[in-house]
Protein backbone atom coordinates (compact mmCIF):
# COMPACT_ATOMS: atom_id res chain seq x y z
CA MET A 1 34.20 57.95 -119.37
CA VAL A 2 34.34 54.61 -117.62
CA SER A 3 32.04 54.41 -114.61
CA ARG A 4 32.68 52.48 -111.42
CA SER A 5 29.20 50.99 -111.41
CA VAL A 6 27.84 51.16 -114.96
CA ASP A 7 29.27 48.97 -117.73
CA ILE A 8 30.10 50.56 -121.06
CA LYS A 9 27.27 49.90 -123.59
CA PRO A 10 28.45 49.84 -127.22
CA LEU A 11 26.94 52.03 -129.94
CA ALA A 12 28.95 51.54 -133.15
CA LYS A 13 32.00 49.82 -134.72
CA SER A 14 35.77 49.09 -135.19
CA ILE A 15 39.06 50.62 -134.00
CA ALA A 16 40.60 54.06 -134.62
CA ARG A 17 41.33 55.18 -138.21
CA ALA A 18 41.56 51.61 -139.56
CA LYS A 19 39.84 48.24 -139.22
CA VAL A 20 41.97 45.41 -137.84
CA SER A 21 43.10 42.91 -140.45
CA SER A 22 41.60 39.43 -140.27
CA VAL A 23 44.76 37.83 -141.73
CA LYS A 24 45.78 34.83 -139.66
CA SER A 25 49.23 34.81 -138.12
CA PRO A 26 51.16 32.61 -135.71
CA SER A 27 50.86 33.22 -131.99
CA VAL A 28 52.92 36.15 -130.78
CA LYS A 29 56.13 35.08 -129.03
CA VAL A 30 58.55 37.98 -128.55
CA ALA A 31 61.22 37.98 -125.86
CA SER A 32 61.07 41.19 -123.87
CA THR A 33 64.86 41.18 -123.51
CA ILE A 34 65.46 41.64 -127.26
CA PRO A 35 65.98 45.31 -128.19
CA GLN A 36 63.54 46.63 -130.79
CA LYS A 37 64.28 49.42 -133.28
CA ILE A 38 63.28 52.99 -132.50
CA SER A 39 64.71 56.48 -132.87
CA GLN A 40 67.86 57.72 -131.17
CA SER A 41 68.61 61.34 -130.37
CA VAL A 42 70.37 63.43 -127.74
CA ASP A 43 67.26 62.96 -125.60
CA PRO A 44 65.11 60.14 -127.02
CA LEU A 45 62.29 61.07 -124.62
CA ALA A 46 62.06 64.69 -125.81
CA CYS A 47 58.94 66.06 -127.47
CA ALA A 48 59.10 67.26 -131.05
CA VAL A 49 58.66 71.04 -130.97
CA GLN A 50 55.83 71.46 -133.48
CA PRO A 51 54.14 69.34 -136.20
CA GLU A 52 55.50 69.62 -139.74
CA THR A 53 53.02 70.91 -142.31
CA SER A 54 54.95 69.35 -145.21
CA LYS A 55 54.11 65.74 -146.09
CA ALA A 56 57.71 65.16 -147.21
CA LEU A 57 59.07 66.27 -143.83
CA ARG A 58 56.52 64.13 -141.96
CA SER A 59 57.60 61.11 -144.02
CA ARG A 60 61.28 61.85 -143.32
CA ASN A 61 60.59 62.04 -139.59
CA SER A 62 58.83 58.65 -139.63
CA SER A 63 61.94 57.14 -141.23
CA LYS A 64 64.12 58.60 -138.46
CA ARG A 65 61.96 56.83 -135.86
CA ALA A 66 63.12 53.47 -137.25
CA LEU A 67 66.74 53.98 -136.13
CA GLY A 68 68.35 52.77 -132.91
CA SER A 69 67.02 50.28 -130.34
CA VAL A 70 64.80 50.17 -127.29
CA GLU A 71 64.32 47.74 -124.42
CA LEU A 72 61.53 46.99 -121.96
CA GLU A 73 62.71 49.75 -119.60
CA ARG A 74 61.58 52.34 -122.18
CA PHE A 75 57.99 51.07 -121.84
CA HIS A 76 57.87 50.04 -118.19
CA ARG A 77 60.38 51.24 -115.62
CA THR A 78 61.11 48.83 -112.78
CA ILE A 79 59.66 49.66 -109.38
CA ALA A 80 63.17 49.48 -107.92
CA ALA A 81 64.10 52.52 -110.00
CA ILE A 82 61.23 54.46 -108.44
CA ALA A 83 60.90 53.09 -104.89
CA PRO A 84 63.65 50.81 -103.50
CA SER A 85 62.24 47.60 -102.03
CA GLU A 86 63.43 48.43 -98.53
CA THR A 87 61.15 51.49 -98.48
CA LEU A 88 58.03 49.51 -99.42
CA SER A 89 55.68 48.17 -96.77
CA THR A 90 54.90 44.46 -96.56
CA THR A 91 51.38 45.13 -97.84
CA THR A 92 52.64 47.14 -100.78
CA ARG A 93 55.18 44.47 -101.74
CA ALA A 94 52.40 41.88 -101.70
CA GLN A 95 50.38 44.01 -104.10
CA PHE A 96 53.22 43.79 -106.62
CA SER A 97 53.02 39.98 -106.66
CA TYR A 98 50.87 39.80 -109.81
CA GLN A 99 53.23 39.78 -112.78
CA PRO A 100 51.91 39.20 -116.31
CA ARG A 101 54.23 38.21 -119.11
CA GLU A 102 55.55 41.33 -120.87
CA ALA A 103 57.05 41.64 -124.34
CA VAL A 104 58.22 44.44 -126.62
CA PHE A 105 56.73 44.22 -130.12
CA LEU A 106 57.62 47.49 -131.81
CA ILE A 107 55.47 48.38 -134.83
CA ASP A 108 56.22 50.14 -138.12
CA PRO A 109 57.25 53.79 -137.56
CA THR A 110 54.63 55.07 -140.00
CA ASN A 111 51.99 53.98 -137.49
CA TYR A 112 53.07 56.18 -134.58
CA GLY A 113 54.59 59.62 -134.14
CA ASP A 114 56.21 62.11 -131.80
CA ARG A 115 54.34 63.88 -129.05
CA TYR A 116 54.47 67.64 -129.55
CA PHE A 117 55.38 70.60 -127.36
CA LYS A 118 53.21 72.87 -129.55
CA ASP A 119 50.22 72.16 -131.78
CA VAL A 120 50.15 72.71 -135.54
CA ASN A 121 49.31 76.40 -134.97
CA GLY A 122 52.12 77.00 -132.47
CA ASN A 123 49.94 76.93 -129.34
CA PRO A 124 51.00 75.05 -126.17
CA ALA A 125 50.07 71.39 -126.60
CA TYR A 126 50.40 70.11 -123.03
CA ARG A 127 47.40 68.42 -121.41
CA PRO A 128 47.44 66.10 -118.37
CA PRO A 129 47.58 62.50 -119.62
CA ILE A 130 44.56 60.28 -120.08
CA VAL A 131 44.21 56.52 -120.62
CA VAL A 132 41.94 55.40 -123.47
CA LEU A 133 40.65 51.80 -123.45
CA HIS A 134 40.07 49.93 -126.74
CA GLU A 135 39.52 46.46 -128.13
CA THR A 136 41.12 44.97 -131.24
CA VAL A 137 37.97 43.77 -133.08
CA GLY A 138 40.01 40.78 -134.24
CA SER A 139 42.93 38.63 -133.13
CA ALA A 140 46.12 39.99 -131.61
CA GLY A 141 48.03 38.49 -134.53
CA GLY A 142 45.87 40.25 -137.10
CA THR A 143 46.20 43.54 -135.25
CA LEU A 144 49.99 43.25 -135.07
CA ASN A 145 50.15 42.39 -138.78
CA LEU A 146 48.28 45.62 -139.50
CA PHE A 147 50.46 47.75 -137.22
CA ARG A 148 53.73 46.24 -138.51
CA THR A 149 52.75 47.03 -142.10
CA ARG A 150 54.15 50.25 -143.53
CA HIS A 151 51.37 52.78 -144.19
CA PRO A 152 52.66 55.83 -146.08
CA ASN A 153 49.06 57.03 -146.50
CA ASP A 154 48.10 59.00 -143.38
CA ASP A 155 44.50 57.74 -143.56
CA ASP A 156 45.64 54.13 -143.07
CA GLN A 157 47.81 54.66 -140.00
CA ALA A 158 46.64 53.26 -136.64
CA SER A 159 48.14 51.95 -133.40
CA TYR A 160 47.90 51.47 -129.64
CA HIS A 161 50.64 51.86 -127.06
CA THR A 162 49.86 48.51 -125.45
CA LEU A 163 47.87 45.40 -126.36
CA ILE A 164 46.71 42.79 -123.83
CA GLN A 165 46.23 39.27 -125.17
CA ARG A 166 43.57 36.80 -124.07
CA ASP A 167 46.00 35.08 -121.68
CA GLY A 168 46.92 38.40 -120.05
CA THR A 169 50.25 38.85 -121.85
CA VAL A 170 51.13 42.55 -122.13
CA LEU A 171 52.58 43.57 -125.51
CA TYR A 172 54.24 46.99 -125.66
CA LEU A 173 53.95 48.43 -129.17
CA VAL A 174 54.66 52.17 -128.90
CA PRO A 175 56.74 53.78 -126.12
CA PRO A 176 54.70 55.99 -123.76
CA ASP A 177 56.77 59.04 -124.75
CA LYS A 178 55.55 58.63 -128.35
CA ARG A 179 52.11 59.33 -129.85
CA ALA A 180 50.04 56.31 -130.85
CA PHE A 181 47.35 56.84 -133.50
CA GLY A 182 44.48 55.41 -131.47
CA ALA A 183 41.65 57.94 -131.79
CA GLY A 184 41.78 60.09 -134.92
CA ASP A 185 38.85 62.48 -134.43
CA SER A 186 38.39 62.69 -130.69
CA ILE A 187 37.97 64.91 -127.67
CA PHE A 188 38.10 64.35 -123.92
CA ILE A 189 35.76 66.18 -121.56
CA GLY A 190 36.78 65.83 -117.94
CA ILE A 191 34.80 66.22 -114.74
CA ASP A 192 35.41 69.97 -114.89
CA GLY A 193 33.66 70.16 -118.26
CA VAL A 194 36.75 71.41 -120.12
CA ALA A 195 37.10 70.07 -123.67
CA GLU A 196 40.61 68.78 -124.39
CA ALA A 197 42.13 67.97 -127.78
CA VAL A 198 45.26 68.91 -129.72
CA LYS A 199 45.61 69.44 -133.48
CA THR A 200 48.85 67.77 -134.59
CA HIS A 201 48.18 67.30 -138.31
CA PRO A 202 47.18 69.97 -140.86
CA LYS A 203 44.80 67.56 -142.61
CA PHE A 204 43.06 65.89 -139.66
CA PRO A 205 40.84 67.32 -136.89
CA PRO A 206 42.09 67.71 -133.30
CA SER A 207 42.39 64.55 -131.22
CA VAL A 208 43.43 63.26 -127.80
CA ASN A 209 46.42 61.36 -129.18
CA ASN A 210 49.05 63.90 -128.09
CA PHE A 211 48.26 63.30 -124.40
CA ALA A 212 46.65 59.84 -124.48
CA TYR A 213 47.96 56.39 -123.59
CA HIS A 214 46.03 53.86 -125.68
CA VAL A 215 45.53 50.34 -124.28
CA ALA A 216 43.64 47.63 -126.20
CA LEU A 217 42.17 44.31 -125.12
CA GLU A 218 42.28 41.46 -127.63
CA SER A 219 38.69 40.72 -128.61
CA PRO A 220 37.27 37.20 -128.15
CA PRO A 221 36.87 34.98 -131.25
CA ASP A 222 33.23 36.05 -131.62
CA GLY A 223 34.25 39.73 -131.48
CA ASN A 224 35.58 40.02 -135.04
CA THR A 225 32.31 41.57 -136.25
CA ASN A 226 30.44 44.86 -136.07
CA ALA A 227 27.87 43.33 -133.69
CA PRO A 228 27.17 45.45 -130.60
CA THR A 229 28.11 42.65 -128.17
CA HIS A 230 30.36 39.62 -127.80
CA SER A 231 31.33 37.12 -125.10
CA GLY A 232 33.67 39.51 -123.26
CA TYR A 233 37.20 39.44 -121.88
CA THR A 234 39.12 37.02 -119.68
CA ILE A 235 39.89 37.61 -116.01
CA GLN A 236 43.58 37.58 -116.96
CA GLN A 237 42.93 40.50 -119.32
CA TYR A 238 41.16 42.49 -116.60
CA GLN A 239 43.99 41.77 -114.17
CA SER A 240 46.67 42.84 -116.63
CA LEU A 241 44.71 45.90 -117.72
CA ALA A 242 44.34 47.09 -114.12
CA TRP A 243 48.02 46.31 -113.51
CA VAL A 244 49.14 48.36 -116.54
CA VAL A 245 46.82 51.33 -115.97
CA ALA A 246 47.76 51.57 -112.28
CA LYS A 247 51.38 51.95 -113.35
CA THR A 248 50.57 55.07 -115.39
CA GLY A 249 49.47 56.95 -112.26
CA VAL A 250 46.56 58.48 -114.20
CA PRO A 251 43.59 59.44 -111.95
CA ASP A 252 40.41 57.36 -112.30
CA THR A 253 38.60 60.45 -113.60
CA ARG A 254 40.94 60.54 -116.61
CA ILE A 255 40.48 56.91 -117.61
CA THR A 256 38.10 56.75 -120.55
CA THR A 257 37.14 54.65 -123.59
CA HIS A 258 37.41 54.95 -127.34
CA LYS A 259 33.64 55.19 -127.51
CA ALA A 260 33.60 58.08 -125.04
CA VAL A 261 36.22 60.22 -126.81
CA ASP A 262 35.17 59.47 -130.39
CA ARG A 263 33.46 62.34 -132.21
CA SER A 264 32.19 60.32 -135.17
CA GLY A 265 29.66 58.29 -133.19
CA GLN A 266 30.96 55.14 -134.93
CA ARG A 267 33.21 53.65 -132.24
CA MET A 268 31.85 51.38 -129.54
CA ASP A 269 34.92 49.79 -128.04
CA PRO A 270 35.54 48.22 -125.72
CA ARG A 271 32.28 46.27 -126.08
CA ASN A 272 30.97 44.22 -123.15
CA PHE A 273 33.47 45.88 -120.83
CA SER A 274 32.85 45.54 -117.09
CA SER A 275 33.95 48.84 -115.62
CA SER A 276 33.01 47.68 -112.12
CA ARG A 277 35.32 44.66 -112.34
CA PHE A 278 38.10 46.82 -113.78
CA PHE A 279 37.93 49.47 -111.06
CA GLN A 280 37.68 46.84 -108.31
CA LEU A 281 40.91 45.31 -109.58
CA MET A 282 42.47 48.78 -109.88
CA GLN A 283 42.05 49.17 -106.12
CA THR A 284 44.31 46.15 -105.54
CA TYR A 285 47.32 47.80 -107.20
CA PRO A 286 49.16 50.87 -105.91
CA LYS A 287 49.37 53.73 -108.39
CA THR A 288 52.92 54.40 -109.54
CA VAL A 289 54.64 56.16 -112.43
CA GLU A 290 56.40 53.09 -113.79
CA ILE A 291 54.78 53.91 -117.15
CA PRO A 292 55.34 57.68 -117.47
CA ILE A 293 53.07 59.13 -120.16
CA GLY A 294 54.46 62.05 -122.12
CA CYS A 295 57.73 63.48 -123.36
CA THR A 296 60.32 65.86 -121.98
CA VAL A 297 60.73 69.52 -122.98
CA PRO A 298 62.77 69.79 -126.21
CA GLN A 299 66.31 71.07 -125.73
CA SER A 300 65.64 73.94 -128.13
CA VAL A 301 62.97 75.35 -125.81
CA SER A 302 64.28 74.09 -122.45
CA ARG A 303 65.21 77.65 -121.51
CA LEU A 304 61.52 78.21 -120.83
CA LYS A 305 61.28 77.88 -117.06
CA GLN A 306 57.56 78.48 -116.62
CA PRO A 307 55.22 75.46 -116.69
CA ILE A 308 53.12 75.06 -119.80
CA LYS A 309 49.62 76.41 -119.32
CA GLN A 310 46.75 74.28 -120.50
CA ALA A 311 44.81 75.81 -123.37
CA LYS A 312 41.24 76.78 -122.50
CA ASN A 313 39.80 75.99 -125.91
CA VAL A 314 40.25 73.51 -128.72
CA ASN A 315 39.72 74.07 -132.39
CA ARG A 316 36.22 72.63 -132.49
CA PRO A 317 33.29 72.88 -130.07
CA PRO A 318 32.61 69.74 -128.01
CA GLN A 319 29.90 67.33 -129.11
CA GLN A 320 30.51 64.60 -126.56
CA LYS A 321 28.32 64.30 -123.49
CA ARG A 322 29.90 64.91 -120.11
CA PRO A 323 31.33 61.64 -118.69
CA ILE A 324 29.47 59.66 -116.05
């Protein structure tokens, strides 16, 4: 868990489920007004009911996700849609003055999936959302090349919801109602000591992906190694990261890192991350729900009127230390 006063100290290496490609690519220039392909349905924000156990059906579902189009509003709702400007105080309006460049850069549908209403065993899958912080361990271009490549092999699939470039540009890769593959074997332990993870794949262990929003910082040029440290992130990246995370409305106690949730002991990102600087900047932005994490109840089960109860246990005992 990120601390307000203690920086994250790295222990191991790379990003979730796949190492970022080092292939060079041109700088990313994507207009946020251009619709990107994604699935269409009666309710595109609805959860899938339960994971498929058949590989053929999982592959068919990934193909369906490539249909239709999506615009920036799917990733980041405008504040006017949530709180009309006339209802905002002068101070609050001033806090909205920082505005990074935003762009939609949708990735290959094999590298993300649906969020689920139930886990692979039919148990309720709802957990309150968390934000997981990462770094790319390579350039933004190399990372996007990897994520835009079709990966039919489940072991090769990886993604984030959002990537923040060195100049502070915010790239939206996976809609917040979908499941990014950011932390394959992972578990979150909150301040109450409850272990949280959801099993969404018959082959892989439980993870936080079904209720996580994954945000990655582009690593500096000297960060494309397995070294425990590098030169760090730009002030523009910290500003944009705080700006994005504040818009999720997630409590500070549920903001964590890839290193903290990883069960393998091999992840150390984000390296050289100043949690104190991040949380100081977080205080300058009002928390909103402009980036709503999660999906809506599927139509087939919408007759259920009672709220989903959080499961008390996960499939495996926790190994992670309690967050700071």
